[in-house]
């Protein structure tokens, strides 16, 4: 990423965001508040018309972002943030292609462990840094409400010393008041989040259960942990090395959550939306085949939730 003398410490002058769902809109608002002239939101013409007509309401404030359509001529991004759902990623990769320059850094906020490779295989892996978010929010139509803003966890594969582009993004997030974390071992942090989502999100969706169901010993927690343990087994073959202590940390984290909280996957099922299934058990199934690890729990979760989605959408 080119770091220019522009009067702003980060030197990141052109920030593009793809995806104005709950996660994307939260961080778009912070970046807009920092400097609206440096931010553009990528969206199709029809969606832009909706946004421009109604505005995007975030915690009661109406935002009118600068928008750009795929294929529209523009200077390449310094930083391009991808915040779509996994089901929309294939189209999203096509949508960003015209905004990638030689020095563009791309940060994916998708859950799971597949998106960086999928994006990088299309635009060039050299553009990618790793990321995910811990944000919790609720979204309806063009309205986002959130109580606390979660962290963006990001970095290179390893971050003993920060690369120039990670330092630039760090400075940008400081300027925009966006909480973040830069783990030394980014891949392990990403896989740990993947493990938690695979267990917690999917068990909550299939059982239609809020978090309090997993606060006690019993079959619900056992199902959650069995699904997560298959990720642990794969991670050991993949060189990531999750272990029993990570499963124990997982339970401790769940125990601290609001008992009434519903996961995003459960909310998707209840609303008749397509969930992130392919990014959780779908990915586990693929990785299990790659590393020759049986994944019977995630196979069952995949087929069951796939059927639930089909039923809810009919």
Protein backbone atom coordinates (compact mmCIF):
# COMPACT_ATOMS: atom_id res chain seq x y z
CA UNK A 1 0.00 0.00 0.00
CA UNK A 2 1.42 3.41 -0.90
CA UNK A 3 1.73 5.68 2.13
CA UNK A 4 1.44 9.26 0.91
CA UNK A 5 1.96 12.56 2.72
CA UNK A 6 -1.64 13.74 2.80
CA UNK A 7 -2.06 15.22 6.24
CA UNK A 8 -3.76 12.07 7.55
CA UNK A 9 -1.56 9.75 9.51
CA UNK A 10 -2.67 6.51 7.90
CA UNK A 11 -2.06 7.62 4.31
CA UNK A 12 -5.11 5.60 3.24
CA UNK A 13 -6.99 7.99 0.96
CA UNK A 14 -9.44 5.68 -0.83
CA UNK A 15 -11.47 3.21 1.21
CA UNK A 16 -14.10 1.06 -0.51
CA UNK A 17 -16.58 -1.17 1.32
CA UNK A 18 -18.56 -3.97 -0.29
CA UNK A 19 -21.58 -4.94 1.81
CA UNK A 20 -23.82 -2.67 3.89
CA UNK A 21 -25.38 -5.31 6.10
CA UNK A 22 -25.17 -5.06 9.86
CA UNK A 23 -21.40 -5.53 9.99
CA UNK A 24 -20.50 -3.39 6.98
CA UNK A 25 -22.77 -0.51 7.97
CA UNK A 26 -21.32 -0.27 11.49
CA UNK A 27 -17.77 0.19 10.23
CA UNK A 28 -18.83 2.29 7.24
CA UNK A 29 -20.39 4.76 9.69
CA UNK A 30 -17.16 5.06 11.68
CA UNK A 31 -15.09 5.55 8.52
CA UNK A 32 -17.62 8.08 7.19
CA UNK A 33 -17.42 10.03 10.45
CA UNK A 34 -13.63 10.13 10.12
CA UNK A 35 -13.80 11.64 6.62
CA UNK A 36 -16.75 11.06 4.26
CA UNK A 37 -14.68 12.02 1.22
CA UNK A 38 -12.37 9.02 1.60
CA UNK A 39 -15.12 6.36 1.68
CA UNK A 40 -17.14 4.76 -1.13
CA UNK A 41 -19.66 1.95 -0.81
CA UNK A 42 -19.84 -0.53 -3.71
CA UNK A 43 -23.38 -1.55 -4.62
CA UNK A 44 -25.58 -2.21 -7.62
CA UNK A 45 -27.69 0.63 -9.10
CA UNK A 46 -31.00 -0.58 -7.66
CA UNK A 47 -29.58 -0.96 -4.17
CA UNK A 48 -27.92 2.45 -4.43
CA UNK A 49 -31.26 3.98 -5.35
CA UNK A 50 -32.81 2.46 -2.22
CA UNK A 51 -29.98 3.67 -0.01
CA UNK A 52 -30.08 7.18 -1.48
CA UNK A 53 -33.84 7.42 -1.12
CA UNK A 54 -34.11 6.16 2.45
CA UNK A 55 -30.63 6.66 3.84
CA UNK A 56 -29.00 3.98 6.01
CA UNK A 57 -30.14 4.32 9.62
CA UNK A 58 -27.45 3.33 12.11
CA UNK A 59 -28.27 3.70 15.80
CA UNK A 60 -30.88 6.30 14.95
CA UNK A 61 -28.68 8.39 12.65
CA UNK A 62 -29.29 8.52 8.91
CA UNK A 63 -26.17 8.10 6.79
CA UNK A 64 -25.88 9.05 3.13
CA UNK A 65 -22.68 7.47 1.88
CA UNK A 66 -20.84 8.01 -1.38
CA UNK A 67 -21.73 5.09 -3.65
CA UNK A 68 -20.13 3.48 -6.67
CA UNK A 69 -21.41 0.68 -8.91
CA UNK A 70 -19.38 -2.29 -10.13
CA UNK A 71 -17.81 -1.47 -13.47
CA UNK A 72 -17.90 2.28 -12.85
CA UNK A 73 -14.58 3.96 -13.52
CA UNK A 74 -12.73 5.06 -10.41
CA UNK A 75 -9.27 5.24 -8.89
CA UNK A 76 -8.26 1.90 -7.31
CA UNK A 77 -8.77 1.50 -3.60
CA UNK A 78 -5.99 1.81 -1.06
CA UNK A 79 -8.07 -0.38 1.26
CA UNK A 80 -11.05 -2.47 0.17
CA UNK A 81 -13.16 -4.05 2.93
CA UNK A 82 -15.44 -6.98 2.06
CA UNK A 83 -18.41 -7.42 4.42
CA UNK A 84 -20.90 -9.48 2.39
CA UNK A 85 -22.24 -12.85 3.43
CA UNK A 86 -20.57 -15.98 2.11
CA UNK A 87 -23.47 -16.73 -0.24
CA UNK A 88 -22.82 -13.39 -1.98
CA UNK A 89 -19.04 -13.71 -2.14
CA UNK A 90 -18.80 -15.11 -5.67
CA UNK A 91 -20.69 -12.11 -7.06
CA UNK A 92 -18.79 -9.81 -4.72
CA UNK A 93 -15.45 -10.92 -6.14
CA UNK A 94 -16.67 -9.94 -9.60
CA UNK A 95 -17.96 -6.61 -8.25
CA UNK A 96 -14.62 -5.52 -6.78
CA UNK A 97 -12.43 -6.49 -9.73
CA UNK A 98 -12.38 -3.01 -11.27
CA UNK A 99 -11.27 -1.33 -8.04
CA UNK A 100 -8.08 -3.33 -7.43
CA UNK A 101 -4.78 -1.64 -8.18
CA UNK A 102 -1.19 -2.72 -7.72
CA UNK A 103 -1.08 -1.44 -4.14
CA UNK A 104 -4.64 -2.24 -3.02
CA UNK A 105 -5.00 -4.07 0.30
CA UNK A 106 -8.13 -6.22 0.67
CA UNK A 107 -9.53 -7.07 4.10
CA UNK A 108 -12.28 -9.70 4.29
CA UNK A 109 -14.53 -9.62 7.36
CA UNK A 110 -16.35 -12.85 6.49
CA UNK A 111 -16.58 -15.62 9.04
CA UNK A 112 -14.73 -18.85 8.42
CA UNK A 113 -11.37 -19.72 6.92
CA UNK A 114 -12.10 -19.84 3.18
CA UNK A 115 -12.77 -16.29 2.00
CA UNK A 116 -9.19 -14.98 1.80
CA UNK A 117 -8.11 -17.82 -0.47
CA UNK A 118 -11.23 -17.58 -2.64
CA UNK A 119 -10.82 -13.82 -3.08
CA UNK A 120 -7.04 -14.01 -3.47
CA UNK A 121 -7.23 -16.72 -6.13
CA UNK A 122 -9.21 -14.24 -8.26
CA UNK A 123 -7.52 -10.89 -7.60
CA UNK A 124 -4.10 -12.03 -6.39
CA UNK A 125 -3.20 -13.38 -2.97
CA UNK A 126 -0.65 -10.60 -2.52
CA UNK A 127 -3.52 -8.16 -1.94
CA UNK A 128 -5.01 -10.06 1.00
CA UNK A 129 -4.71 -9.59 4.72
CA UNK A 130 -6.67 -11.83 7.07
CA UNK A 131 -9.60 -10.66 9.16
CA UNK A 132 -12.86 -11.27 10.97
CA UNK A 133 -15.03 -9.30 13.35
CA UNK A 134 -16.47 -9.89 16.80
CA UNK A 135 -19.26 -7.32 16.27
CA UNK A 136 -22.75 -8.18 17.50
CA UNK A 137 -25.68 -6.32 15.97
CA UNK A 138 -29.24 -6.49 14.74
CA UNK A 139 -30.44 -5.40 11.33
CA UNK A 140 -33.83 -4.76 9.78
CA UNK A 141 -34.20 -3.38 6.23
CA UNK A 142 -31.89 -0.33 6.06
CA UNK A 143 -31.73 -0.02 9.85
CA UNK A 144 -28.87 -1.22 12.04
CA UNK A 145 -29.01 -1.13 15.81
CA UNK A 146 -26.11 -2.18 18.00
CA UNK A 147 -25.31 -1.78 21.68
CA UNK A 148 -21.53 -2.15 21.50
CA UNK A 149 -19.15 -2.17 18.56
CA UNK A 150 -17.04 -5.28 18.27
CA UNK A 151 -13.42 -5.57 17.26
CA UNK A 152 -11.99 -6.14 13.82
CA UNK A 153 -9.33 -8.82 14.24
CA UNK A 154 -6.86 -8.58 11.37
CA UNK A 155 -3.29 -8.95 10.21
CA UNK A 156 -0.83 -10.90 8.14
CA UNK A 157 -0.49 -14.64 8.81
CA UNK A 158 1.96 -13.76 11.59
CA UNK A 159 2.43 -10.35 13.19
CA UNK A 160 5.51 -10.42 15.43
CA UNK A 161 6.43 -7.22 13.61
CA UNK A 162 3.72 -5.25 11.85
CA UNK A 163 4.02 -4.94 8.10
CA UNK A 164 3.67 -1.51 6.52
CA UNK A 165 0.15 -2.20 5.32
CA UNK A 166 -1.04 -3.62 8.65
CA UNK A 167 0.41 -0.58 10.40
CA UNK A 168 -1.44 1.68 7.95
CA UNK A 169 -4.77 -0.06 8.61
CA UNK A 170 -4.10 0.05 12.35
CA UNK A 171 -3.57 3.81 12.17
CA UNK A 172 -6.73 4.23 10.09
CA UNK A 173 -8.79 2.32 12.66
CA UNK A 174 -7.31 4.47 15.43
CA UNK A 175 -8.37 7.57 13.52
CA UNK A 176 -11.87 6.19 12.93
CA UNK A 177 -12.34 4.92 16.50
CA UNK A 178 -12.76 1.32 15.31
CA UNK A 179 -11.72 -1.25 17.94
CA UNK A 180 -9.28 -3.85 16.66
CA UNK A 181 -6.89 -6.61 17.61
CA UNK A 182 -3.79 -7.80 15.75
CA UNK A 183 -2.92 -11.32 16.96
CA UNK A 184 0.62 -12.56 16.64
CA UNK A 185 -0.77 -15.81 15.15
CA UNK A 186 -3.59 -14.57 12.94
CA UNK A 187 -4.44 -17.93 11.40
CA UNK A 188 -4.89 -19.57 14.80
CA UNK A 189 -7.18 -16.74 15.92
CA UNK A 190 -9.21 -17.12 12.72
CA UNK A 191 -9.54 -20.88 13.12
CA UNK A 192 -10.57 -20.48 16.76
CA UNK A 193 -13.42 -18.18 15.70
CA UNK A 194 -14.30 -20.68 12.95
CA UNK A 195 -14.45 -23.46 15.55
CA UNK A 196 -16.77 -21.42 17.76
CA UNK A 197 -19.10 -20.44 14.92
CA UNK A 198 -19.26 -23.99 13.63
CA UNK A 199 -20.38 -25.26 17.01
CA UNK A 200 -22.44 -22.43 18.48
CA UNK A 201 -24.15 -20.94 15.43
CA UNK A 202 -25.16 -24.26 13.95
CA UNK A 203 -26.35 -25.87 17.18
CA UNK A 204 -28.41 -22.79 17.99
CA UNK A 205 -29.95 -22.79 14.51
CA UNK A 206 -30.87 -26.47 14.42
CA UNK A 207 -32.30 -26.38 17.96
CA UNK A 208 -33.83 -22.91 17.51
CA UNK A 209 -32.26 -22.16 20.87
CA UNK A 210 -31.08 -18.89 22.48
CA UNK A 211 -27.77 -18.83 24.32
CA UNK A 212 -29.16 -19.83 27.73
CA UNK A 213 -29.68 -23.38 26.39
CA UNK A 214 -25.89 -23.74 26.07
CA UNK A 215 -25.11 -22.36 29.53
CA UNK A 216 -25.78 -25.72 31.15
CA UNK A 217 -24.36 -29.20 30.75
CA UNK A 218 -26.61 -31.29 28.58
CA UNK A 219 -27.30 -32.52 25.05
CA UNK A 220 -27.38 -29.02 23.49
CA UNK A 221 -23.91 -28.16 24.74
CA UNK A 222 -22.67 -31.63 23.80
CA UNK A 223 -23.90 -31.16 20.22
CA UNK A 224 -22.21 -27.76 20.05
CA UNK A 225 -18.89 -29.16 21.29
CA UNK A 226 -18.96 -32.23 19.05
CA UNK A 227 -19.36 -30.01 15.99
CA UNK A 228 -16.56 -27.73 17.21
CA UNK A 229 -14.27 -30.67 17.98
CA UNK A 230 -14.31 -31.74 14.34
CA UNK A 231 -12.76 -28.35 13.53
CA UNK A 232 -10.14 -28.97 16.22
CA UNK A 233 -9.26 -32.32 14.65
CA UNK A 234 -8.94 -30.79 11.18
CA UNK A 235 -6.87 -27.89 12.52
CA UNK A 236 -4.28 -30.29 13.89
CA UNK A 237 -3.80 -31.81 10.44
CA UNK A 238 -3.79 -28.34 8.84
CA UNK A 239 -0.91 -27.16 11.04
CA UNK A 240 -3.02 -24.73 13.09
CA UNK A 241 -3.07 -26.82 16.26
CA UNK A 242 -6.26 -26.03 18.14
CA UNK A 243 -6.67 -28.23 21.23
CA UNK A 244 -8.78 -29.06 24.28
CA UNK A 245 -7.96 -25.78 25.99
CA UNK A 246 -9.49 -23.92 23.04
CA UNK A 247 -12.72 -25.89 23.52
CA UNK A 248 -12.68 -24.97 27.21
CA UNK A 249 -12.16 -21.30 26.33
CA UNK A 250 -15.08 -21.62 23.91
CA UNK A 251 -17.43 -22.78 26.70
CA UNK A 252 -16.19 -19.99 28.96
CA UNK A 253 -16.93 -17.42 26.25
CA UNK A 254 -20.45 -18.77 25.66
CA UNK A 255 -21.17 -18.69 29.39
CA UNK A 256 -20.51 -14.94 29.43
CA UNK A 257 -23.01 -14.14 26.68
CA UNK A 258 -26.49 -12.73 27.24
CA UNK A 259 -28.79 -15.72 27.90
CA UNK A 260 -31.43 -14.28 25.58
CA UNK A 261 -29.04 -13.71 22.66
CA UNK A 262 -29.80 -15.41 19.36
CA UNK A 263 -27.03 -16.18 16.89
CA UNK A 264 -27.06 -14.64 13.43
CA UNK A 265 -27.62 -18.09 11.94
CA UNK A 266 -30.70 -18.67 14.07
CA UNK A 267 -32.00 -15.22 13.10
CA UNK A 268 -31.47 -16.10 9.43
CA UNK A 269 -33.41 -19.36 9.78
CA UNK A 270 -36.26 -17.63 11.60
CA UNK A 271 -36.42 -14.89 8.95
CA UNK A 272 -36.35 -17.34 6.04
CA UNK A 273 -32.99 -16.04 4.82
CA UNK A 274 -30.11 -18.09 3.46
CA UNK A 275 -27.59 -18.62 6.25
CA UNK A 276 -23.81 -18.98 6.37
CA UNK A 277 -24.11 -22.77 6.28
CA UNK A 278 -21.61 -23.18 3.43
CA UNK A 279 -19.07 -21.19 5.44
CA UNK A 280 -19.47 -23.40 8.54
CA UNK A 281 -20.35 -27.10 8.12
CA UNK A 282 -19.99 -26.75 4.35
CA UNK A 283 -16.39 -25.68 4.86
CA UNK A 284 -15.81 -28.35 7.51
CA UNK A 285 -16.98 -31.03 5.07
CA UNK A 286 -14.59 -29.80 2.38
CA UNK A 287 -11.66 -29.51 4.79
CA UNK A 288 -12.44 -32.91 6.27
CA UNK A 289 -12.18 -34.45 2.82
CA UNK A 290 -8.95 -32.57 2.13
CA UNK A 291 -7.27 -33.75 5.35
CA UNK A 292 -9.00 -37.16 5.55
CA UNK A 293 -10.78 -36.36 8.83
CA UNK A 294 -14.31 -37.78 9.34
CA UNK A 295 -16.92 -35.08 10.01
CA UNK A 296 -20.15 -36.98 10.80
CA UNK A 297 -21.60 -34.30 13.11
CA UNK A 298 -21.09 -31.49 10.62
CA UNK A 299 -22.36 -33.71 7.79
CA UNK A 300 -25.62 -34.16 9.71
CA UNK A 301 -25.84 -30.48 10.66
CA UNK A 302 -25.26 -29.48 7.05
CA UNK A 303 -28.02 -31.68 5.64
CA UNK A 304 -30.48 -30.78 8.40
CA UNK A 305 -29.97 -27.02 8.22
CA UNK A 306 -30.00 -27.17 4.41
CA UNK A 307 -33.42 -28.81 4.64
CA UNK A 308 -34.58 -26.26 7.23
CA UNK A 309 -33.57 -23.41 4.92
CA UNK A 310 -35.44 -24.93 2.01
CA UNK A 311 -38.57 -25.40 4.12
CA UNK A 312 -38.44 -21.87 5.58
CA UNK A 313 -37.95 -20.28 2.16
CA UNK A 314 -40.92 -22.08 0.56
